[in-house]
Amino acid sequence: MTTETRVLFNADCPICNAEICHYKAYAEDSGLEIGFDDLNSDALAAWNIDADTAARRLHVVHEGHLFAGIPAFLVLWKEMPRYRTLAKLVGLPGIRQLASIGYDYILAPLIYRRHLWRQKSGNTSL
């Protein structure tokens, strides 16, 4: 992993893939040095986390530090000029805690359960 900011995401998850592909296209169009790694590829080995842990929430490495969940989103958004205002808003005291609760206890678990269901059933759609 040579880029200072790298994103680990599940390209097999239609929701995750759509969101991260949007960020990736924006980063490429803007000339931003952000790397994107699919957890279903050989790139996962460099992250020192297993595929199941990686599938549970967004992970970002920035300047050698690993972030997961809302802190990972905040790091990613701060790296992209278009999303810096969103990072500032979500990073505000109170809002950050509410966003983390919503992501950690509602959204991420729902998306993860869908991921497990898709794996078990072989269904690649939402």
N, C-alpha and C. Protein backbone atom coordinates (compact mmCIF):
# COMPACT_ATOMS: atom_id res chain seq x y z
N MET A 1 0.86 -1.18 0.00
CA MET A 1 0.00 0.00 0.00
C MET A 1 0.90 1.24 0.00
N THR A 2 0.98 1.92 -1.12
CA THR A 2 1.87 3.06 -1.21
C THR A 2 1.15 4.40 -1.07
N THR A 3 -0.11 4.48 -1.43
CA THR A 3 -0.84 5.73 -1.33
C THR A 3 -1.13 6.02 0.14
N GLU A 4 -1.01 7.30 0.54
CA GLU A 4 -1.22 7.70 1.93
C GLU A 4 -2.64 7.40 2.42
N THR A 5 -3.62 7.48 1.53
CA THR A 5 -5.00 7.18 1.89
C THR A 5 -5.49 6.04 1.01
N ARG A 6 -5.96 4.97 1.66
CA ARG A 6 -6.49 3.81 0.94
C ARG A 6 -7.82 3.42 1.57
N VAL A 7 -8.72 2.96 0.72
CA VAL A 7 -10.06 2.57 1.12
C VAL A 7 -10.23 1.07 0.85
N LEU A 8 -10.72 0.35 1.84
CA LEU A 8 -11.02 -1.07 1.66
C LEU A 8 -12.53 -1.22 1.65
N PHE A 9 -13.05 -1.83 0.59
CA PHE A 9 -14.50 -1.94 0.45
C PHE A 9 -14.87 -3.29 -0.17
N ASN A 10 -16.14 -3.61 -0.08
CA ASN A 10 -16.66 -4.87 -0.61
C ASN A 10 -17.31 -4.61 -1.96
N ALA A 11 -16.58 -4.90 -3.03
CA ALA A 11 -17.12 -4.69 -4.38
C ALA A 11 -18.25 -5.65 -4.72
N ASP A 12 -18.39 -6.74 -3.95
CA ASP A 12 -19.49 -7.67 -4.18
C ASP A 12 -20.80 -7.17 -3.58
N CYS A 13 -20.74 -6.16 -2.75
CA CYS A 13 -21.94 -5.56 -2.15
C CYS A 13 -22.41 -4.44 -3.07
N PRO A 14 -23.61 -4.56 -3.64
CA PRO A 14 -24.09 -3.53 -4.56
C PRO A 14 -24.14 -2.13 -3.94
N ILE A 15 -24.51 -2.04 -2.67
CA ILE A 15 -24.59 -0.74 -2.00
C ILE A 15 -23.19 -0.16 -1.81
N CYS A 16 -22.30 -0.96 -1.24
CA CYS A 16 -20.92 -0.52 -1.00
C CYS A 16 -20.23 -0.16 -2.30
N ASN A 17 -20.38 -1.03 -3.29
CA ASN A 17 -19.71 -0.82 -4.56
C ASN A 17 -20.18 0.46 -5.24
N ALA A 18 -21.48 0.71 -5.22
CA ALA A 18 -22.00 1.92 -5.86
C ALA A 18 -21.43 3.17 -5.20
N GLU A 19 -21.43 3.19 -3.87
CA GLU A 19 -20.93 4.36 -3.16
C GLU A 19 -19.43 4.56 -3.40
N ILE A 20 -18.66 3.50 -3.26
CA ILE A 20 -17.21 3.62 -3.40
C ILE A 20 -16.82 3.89 -4.84
N CYS A 21 -17.53 3.32 -5.80
CA CYS A 21 -17.23 3.63 -7.21
C CYS A 21 -17.46 5.11 -7.50
N HIS A 22 -18.47 5.70 -6.85
CA HIS A 22 -18.70 7.14 -6.98
C HIS A 22 -17.50 7.92 -6.44
N TYR A 23 -17.04 7.55 -5.24
CA TYR A 23 -15.88 8.22 -4.65
C TYR A 23 -14.62 8.00 -5.51
N LYS A 24 -14.46 6.80 -6.00
CA LYS A 24 -13.29 6.47 -6.82
C LYS A 24 -13.27 7.30 -8.11
N ALA A 25 -14.41 7.39 -8.77
CA ALA A 25 -14.49 8.19 -10.00
C ALA A 25 -14.20 9.66 -9.70
N TYR A 26 -14.74 10.17 -8.61
CA TYR A 26 -14.48 11.55 -8.22
C TYR A 26 -13.00 11.76 -7.94
N ALA A 27 -12.40 10.84 -7.20
CA ALA A 27 -10.98 10.95 -6.87
C ALA A 27 -10.12 10.92 -8.13
N GLU A 28 -10.44 10.01 -9.04
CA GLU A 28 -9.67 9.93 -10.29
C GLU A 28 -9.85 11.19 -11.14
N ASP A 29 -11.09 11.66 -11.27
CA ASP A 29 -11.36 12.87 -12.06
C ASP A 29 -10.69 14.10 -11.46
N SER A 30 -10.53 14.10 -10.14
CA SER A 30 -9.94 15.24 -9.44
C SER A 30 -8.43 15.10 -9.23
N GLY A 31 -7.87 14.00 -9.66
CA GLY A 31 -6.44 13.78 -9.49
C GLY A 31 -6.02 13.55 -8.04
N LEU A 32 -6.93 13.04 -7.24
CA LEU A 32 -6.63 12.79 -5.83
C LEU A 32 -5.93 11.45 -5.68
N GLU A 33 -4.94 11.42 -4.82
CA GLU A 33 -4.18 10.18 -4.61
C GLU A 33 -4.82 9.37 -3.50
N ILE A 34 -5.92 8.73 -3.85
CA ILE A 34 -6.62 7.84 -2.93
C ILE A 34 -6.69 6.49 -3.60
N GLY A 35 -6.25 5.45 -2.89
CA GLY A 35 -6.30 4.11 -3.44
C GLY A 35 -7.55 3.39 -2.96
N PHE A 36 -8.03 2.49 -3.79
CA PHE A 36 -9.25 1.74 -3.48
C PHE A 36 -8.97 0.26 -3.66
N ASP A 37 -9.21 -0.52 -2.61
CA ASP A 37 -8.95 -1.96 -2.63
C ASP A 37 -10.23 -2.73 -2.36
N ASP A 38 -10.50 -3.69 -3.23
CA ASP A 38 -11.63 -4.60 -3.05
C ASP A 38 -11.22 -5.68 -2.06
N LEU A 39 -12.02 -5.89 -1.03
CA LEU A 39 -11.67 -6.91 -0.03
C LEU A 39 -11.72 -8.32 -0.62
N ASN A 40 -12.30 -8.47 -1.79
CA ASN A 40 -12.39 -9.77 -2.44
C ASN A 40 -11.20 -10.05 -3.35
N SER A 41 -10.20 -9.20 -3.28
CA SER A 41 -9.01 -9.35 -4.13
C SER A 41 -7.79 -9.68 -3.27
N ASP A 42 -6.67 -9.86 -3.94
CA ASP A 42 -5.41 -10.12 -3.24
C ASP A 42 -4.98 -8.93 -2.38
N ALA A 43 -5.53 -7.76 -2.63
CA ALA A 43 -5.17 -6.55 -1.89
C ALA A 43 -5.50 -6.67 -0.40
N LEU A 44 -6.45 -7.53 -0.05
CA LEU A 44 -6.85 -7.67 1.35
C LEU A 44 -5.68 -8.06 2.24
N ALA A 45 -4.76 -8.85 1.73
CA ALA A 45 -3.62 -9.34 2.54
C ALA A 45 -2.81 -8.19 3.14
N ALA A 46 -2.71 -7.08 2.44
CA ALA A 46 -1.91 -5.95 2.92
C ALA A 46 -2.60 -5.20 4.07
N TRP A 47 -3.86 -5.47 4.32
CA TRP A 47 -4.62 -4.75 5.33
C TRP A 47 -4.53 -5.36 6.73
N ASN A 48 -4.07 -6.56 6.83
CA ASN A 48 -3.95 -7.25 8.13
C ASN A 48 -5.28 -7.37 8.87
N ILE A 49 -6.37 -7.51 8.13
CA ILE A 49 -7.66 -7.84 8.71
C ILE A 49 -8.28 -8.92 7.83
N ASP A 50 -9.17 -9.71 8.40
CA ASP A 50 -9.78 -10.78 7.62
C ASP A 50 -10.97 -10.25 6.83
N ALA A 51 -11.41 -11.03 5.85
CA ALA A 51 -12.49 -10.61 4.95
C ALA A 51 -13.79 -10.35 5.70
N ASP A 52 -14.09 -11.15 6.72
CA ASP A 52 -15.33 -10.96 7.46
C ASP A 52 -15.32 -9.63 8.22
N THR A 53 -14.21 -9.32 8.86
CA THR A 53 -14.09 -8.03 9.56
C THR A 53 -14.19 -6.88 8.57
N ALA A 54 -13.53 -7.03 7.44
CA ALA A 54 -13.55 -5.98 6.41
C ALA A 54 -14.96 -5.77 5.85
N ALA A 55 -15.74 -6.82 5.75
CA ALA A 55 -17.09 -6.71 5.19
C ALA A 55 -18.08 -6.06 6.15
N ARG A 56 -17.73 -5.95 7.40
CA ARG A 56 -18.66 -5.42 8.40
C ARG A 56 -18.80 -3.90 8.37
N ARG A 57 -17.78 -3.18 7.89
CA ARG A 57 -17.83 -1.72 7.85
C ARG A 57 -16.73 -1.19 6.95
N LEU A 58 -16.83 0.07 6.59
CA LEU A 58 -15.82 0.71 5.77
C LEU A 58 -14.52 0.85 6.55
N HIS A 59 -13.40 0.59 5.87
CA HIS A 59 -12.07 0.76 6.47
C HIS A 59 -11.23 1.67 5.58
N VAL A 60 -10.51 2.57 6.22
CA VAL A 60 -9.62 3.50 5.52
C VAL A 60 -8.30 3.55 6.27
N VAL A 61 -7.21 3.47 5.54
CA VAL A 61 -5.89 3.72 6.11
C VAL A 61 -5.47 5.10 5.63
N HIS A 62 -5.07 5.94 6.58
CA HIS A 62 -4.61 7.28 6.25
C HIS A 62 -3.35 7.55 7.05
N GLU A 63 -2.27 7.86 6.34
CA GLU A 63 -0.98 8.15 6.96
C GLU A 63 -0.60 7.07 7.99
N GLY A 64 -0.85 5.82 7.62
CA GLY A 64 -0.45 4.69 8.45
C GLY A 64 -1.40 4.31 9.56
N HIS A 65 -2.51 5.03 9.70
CA HIS A 65 -3.48 4.74 10.76
C HIS A 65 -4.74 4.14 10.15
N LEU A 66 -5.26 3.09 10.79
CA LEU A 66 -6.47 2.42 10.32
C LEU A 66 -7.70 3.01 11.00
N PHE A 67 -8.69 3.35 10.20
CA PHE A 67 -9.96 3.87 10.69
C PHE A 67 -11.08 2.98 10.18
N ALA A 68 -12.15 2.83 10.97
CA ALA A 68 -13.29 2.01 10.55
C ALA A 68 -14.58 2.74 10.91
N GLY A 69 -15.62 2.49 10.12
CA GLY A 69 -16.92 3.10 10.38
C GLY A 69 -16.95 4.58 10.05
N ILE A 70 -17.67 5.35 10.85
CA ILE A 70 -17.80 6.80 10.61
C ILE A 70 -16.44 7.50 10.63
N PRO A 71 -15.53 7.16 11.54
CA PRO A 71 -14.20 7.78 11.45
C PRO A 71 -13.52 7.55 10.09
N ALA A 72 -13.76 6.39 9.49
CA ALA A 72 -13.21 6.11 8.15
C ALA A 72 -13.85 7.02 7.11
N PHE A 73 -15.17 7.17 7.17
CA PHE A 73 -15.84 8.08 6.25
C PHE A 73 -15.31 9.50 6.41
N LEU A 74 -15.13 9.94 7.66
CA LEU A 74 -14.65 11.31 7.89
C LEU A 74 -13.27 11.52 7.28
N VAL A 75 -12.39 10.55 7.44
CA VAL A 75 -11.05 10.65 6.84
C VAL A 75 -11.16 10.73 5.32
N LEU A 76 -11.97 9.85 4.73
CA LEU A 76 -12.14 9.83 3.28
C LEU A 76 -12.73 11.14 2.78
N TRP A 77 -13.80 11.60 3.42
CA TRP A 77 -14.45 12.84 2.99
C TRP A 77 -13.52 14.05 3.11
N LYS A 78 -12.69 14.09 4.14
CA LYS A 78 -11.75 15.20 4.30
C LYS A 78 -10.72 15.24 3.17
N GLU A 79 -10.46 14.11 2.56
CA GLU A 79 -9.49 14.04 1.46
C GLU A 79 -10.08 14.51 0.14
N MET A 80 -11.40 14.66 0.08
CA MET A 80 -12.08 15.02 -1.17
C MET A 80 -12.75 16.38 -1.01
N PRO A 81 -12.28 17.39 -1.73
CA PRO A 81 -12.81 18.75 -1.57
C PRO A 81 -14.34 18.83 -1.59
N ARG A 82 -14.98 18.08 -2.45
CA ARG A 82 -16.44 18.12 -2.56
C ARG A 82 -17.13 17.69 -1.27
N TYR A 83 -16.47 16.87 -0.48
CA TYR A 83 -17.09 16.29 0.71
C TYR A 83 -16.57 16.85 2.02
N ARG A 84 -15.71 17.83 1.97
CA ARG A 84 -15.14 18.39 3.21
C ARG A 84 -16.20 19.02 4.10
N THR A 85 -17.18 19.68 3.52
CA THR A 85 -18.25 20.28 4.32
C THR A 85 -19.05 19.18 5.02
N LEU A 86 -19.32 18.10 4.32
CA LEU A 86 -20.02 16.97 4.93
C LEU A 86 -19.18 16.39 6.08
N ALA A 87 -17.88 16.27 5.88
CA ALA A 87 -17.00 15.78 6.95
C ALA A 87 -17.06 16.70 8.16
N LYS A 88 -17.05 18.01 7.93
CA LYS A 88 -17.13 18.95 9.05
C LYS A 88 -18.46 18.82 9.78
N LEU A 89 -19.54 18.70 9.03
CA LEU A 89 -20.87 18.59 9.63
C LEU A 89 -21.00 17.29 10.44
N VAL A 90 -20.68 16.17 9.82
CA VAL A 90 -20.80 14.88 10.50
C VAL A 90 -19.80 14.77 11.65
N GLY A 91 -18.69 15.48 11.55
CA GLY A 91 -17.68 15.45 12.60
C GLY A 91 -17.98 16.30 13.82
N LEU A 92 -19.06 17.08 13.76
CA LEU A 92 -19.42 17.92 14.91
C LEU A 92 -19.82 17.06 16.11
N PRO A 93 -19.47 17.52 17.31
CA PRO A 93 -19.89 16.79 18.51
C PRO A 93 -21.40 16.59 18.52
N GLY A 94 -21.82 15.45 18.91
CA GLY A 94 -23.25 15.13 18.90
C GLY A 94 -23.64 14.47 17.60
N ILE A 95 -23.39 15.15 16.49
CA ILE A 95 -23.72 14.57 15.19
C ILE A 95 -22.83 13.37 14.93
N ARG A 96 -21.55 13.50 15.25
CA ARG A 96 -20.63 12.37 15.05
C ARG A 96 -21.08 11.14 15.85
N GLN A 97 -21.47 11.35 17.09
CA GLN A 97 -21.90 10.24 17.92
C GLN A 97 -23.19 9.61 17.38
N LEU A 98 -24.14 10.45 16.96
CA LEU A 98 -25.39 9.93 16.38
C LEU A 98 -25.12 9.19 15.08
N ALA A 99 -24.26 9.74 14.24
CA ALA A 99 -23.91 9.07 12.97
C ALA A 99 -23.24 7.73 13.25
N SER A 100 -22.36 7.70 14.23
CA SER A 100 -21.67 6.45 14.58
C SER A 100 -22.64 5.40 15.10
N ILE A 101 -23.57 5.82 15.94
CA ILE A 101 -24.58 4.88 16.45
C ILE A 101 -25.43 4.35 15.31
N GLY A 102 -25.89 5.25 14.45
CA GLY A 102 -26.71 4.83 13.31
C GLY A 102 -25.97 3.89 12.37
N TYR A 103 -24.71 4.20 12.11
CA TYR A 103 -23.91 3.36 11.21
C TYR A 103 -23.55 2.04 11.88
N ASP A 104 -23.01 2.09 13.09
CA ASP A 104 -22.50 0.90 13.77
C ASP A 104 -23.60 -0.08 14.19
N TYR A 105 -24.77 0.44 14.57
CA TYR A 105 -25.79 -0.43 15.13
C TYR A 105 -27.00 -0.66 14.23
N ILE A 106 -27.11 0.12 13.14
CA ILE A 106 -28.26 -0.05 12.26
C ILE A 106 -27.80 -0.33 10.82
N LEU A 107 -27.19 0.67 10.19
CA LEU A 107 -26.88 0.56 8.77
C LEU A 107 -25.85 -0.52 8.45
N ALA A 108 -24.69 -0.47 9.09
CA ALA A 108 -23.65 -1.46 8.79
C ALA A 108 -24.11 -2.89 9.07
N PRO A 109 -24.78 -3.16 10.21
CA PRO A 109 -25.26 -4.53 10.42
C PRO A 109 -26.28 -5.00 9.37
N LEU A 110 -27.16 -4.10 8.92
CA LEU A 110 -28.11 -4.46 7.87
C LEU A 110 -27.40 -4.81 6.57
N ILE A 111 -26.45 -3.97 6.20
CA ILE A 111 -25.69 -4.22 4.97
C ILE A 111 -24.88 -5.51 5.10
N TYR A 112 -24.31 -5.75 6.26
CA TYR A 112 -23.52 -6.97 6.49
C TYR A 112 -24.41 -8.21 6.42
N ARG A 113 -25.60 -8.15 7.02
CA ARG A 113 -26.51 -9.30 6.95
C ARG A 113 -26.92 -9.59 5.50
N ARG A 114 -27.12 -8.53 4.72
CA ARG A 114 -27.42 -8.71 3.29
C ARG A 114 -26.25 -9.37 2.59
N HIS A 115 -25.05 -8.98 2.96
CA HIS A 115 -23.83 -9.57 2.40
C HIS A 115 -23.80 -11.07 2.70
N LEU A 116 -24.05 -11.45 3.96
CA LEU A 116 -24.05 -12.86 4.33
C LEU A 116 -25.13 -13.63 3.58
N TRP A 117 -26.31 -13.01 3.44
CA TRP A 117 -27.39 -13.65 2.71
C TRP A 117 -27.01 -13.86 1.24
N ARG A 118 -26.39 -12.84 0.62
CA ARG A 118 -25.97 -12.98 -0.78
C ARG A 118 -24.94 -14.09 -0.92
N GLN A 119 -24.01 -14.17 0.02
CA GLN A 119 -23.01 -15.24 -0.02
C GLN A 119 -23.65 -16.60 0.10
N LYS A 120 -24.57 -16.75 1.03
CA LYS A 120 -25.20 -18.03 1.28
C LYS A 120 -26.10 -18.45 0.11
N SER A 121 -26.84 -17.52 -0.44
CA SER A 121 -27.80 -17.84 -1.49
C SER A 121 -27.21 -17.79 -2.89
N GLY A 122 -26.04 -17.17 -3.00
CA GLY A 122 -25.44 -17.00 -4.32
C GLY A 122 -26.10 -15.89 -5.11
N ASN A 123 -26.96 -15.12 -4.47
CA ASN A 123 -27.66 -14.01 -5.11
C ASN A 123 -26.75 -12.78 -5.11
N THR A 124 -26.49 -12.21 -6.27
CA THR A 124 -25.61 -11.05 -6.36
C THR A 124 -26.37 -9.74 -6.43
N SER A 125 -27.69 -9.80 -6.40
CA SER A 125 -28.47 -8.55 -6.46
C SER A 125 -28.70 -8.05 -5.04
N LEU A 126 -29.30 -6.87 -4.93
CA LEU A 126 -29.61 -6.31 -3.61
C LEU A 126 -30.47 -7.27 -2.85
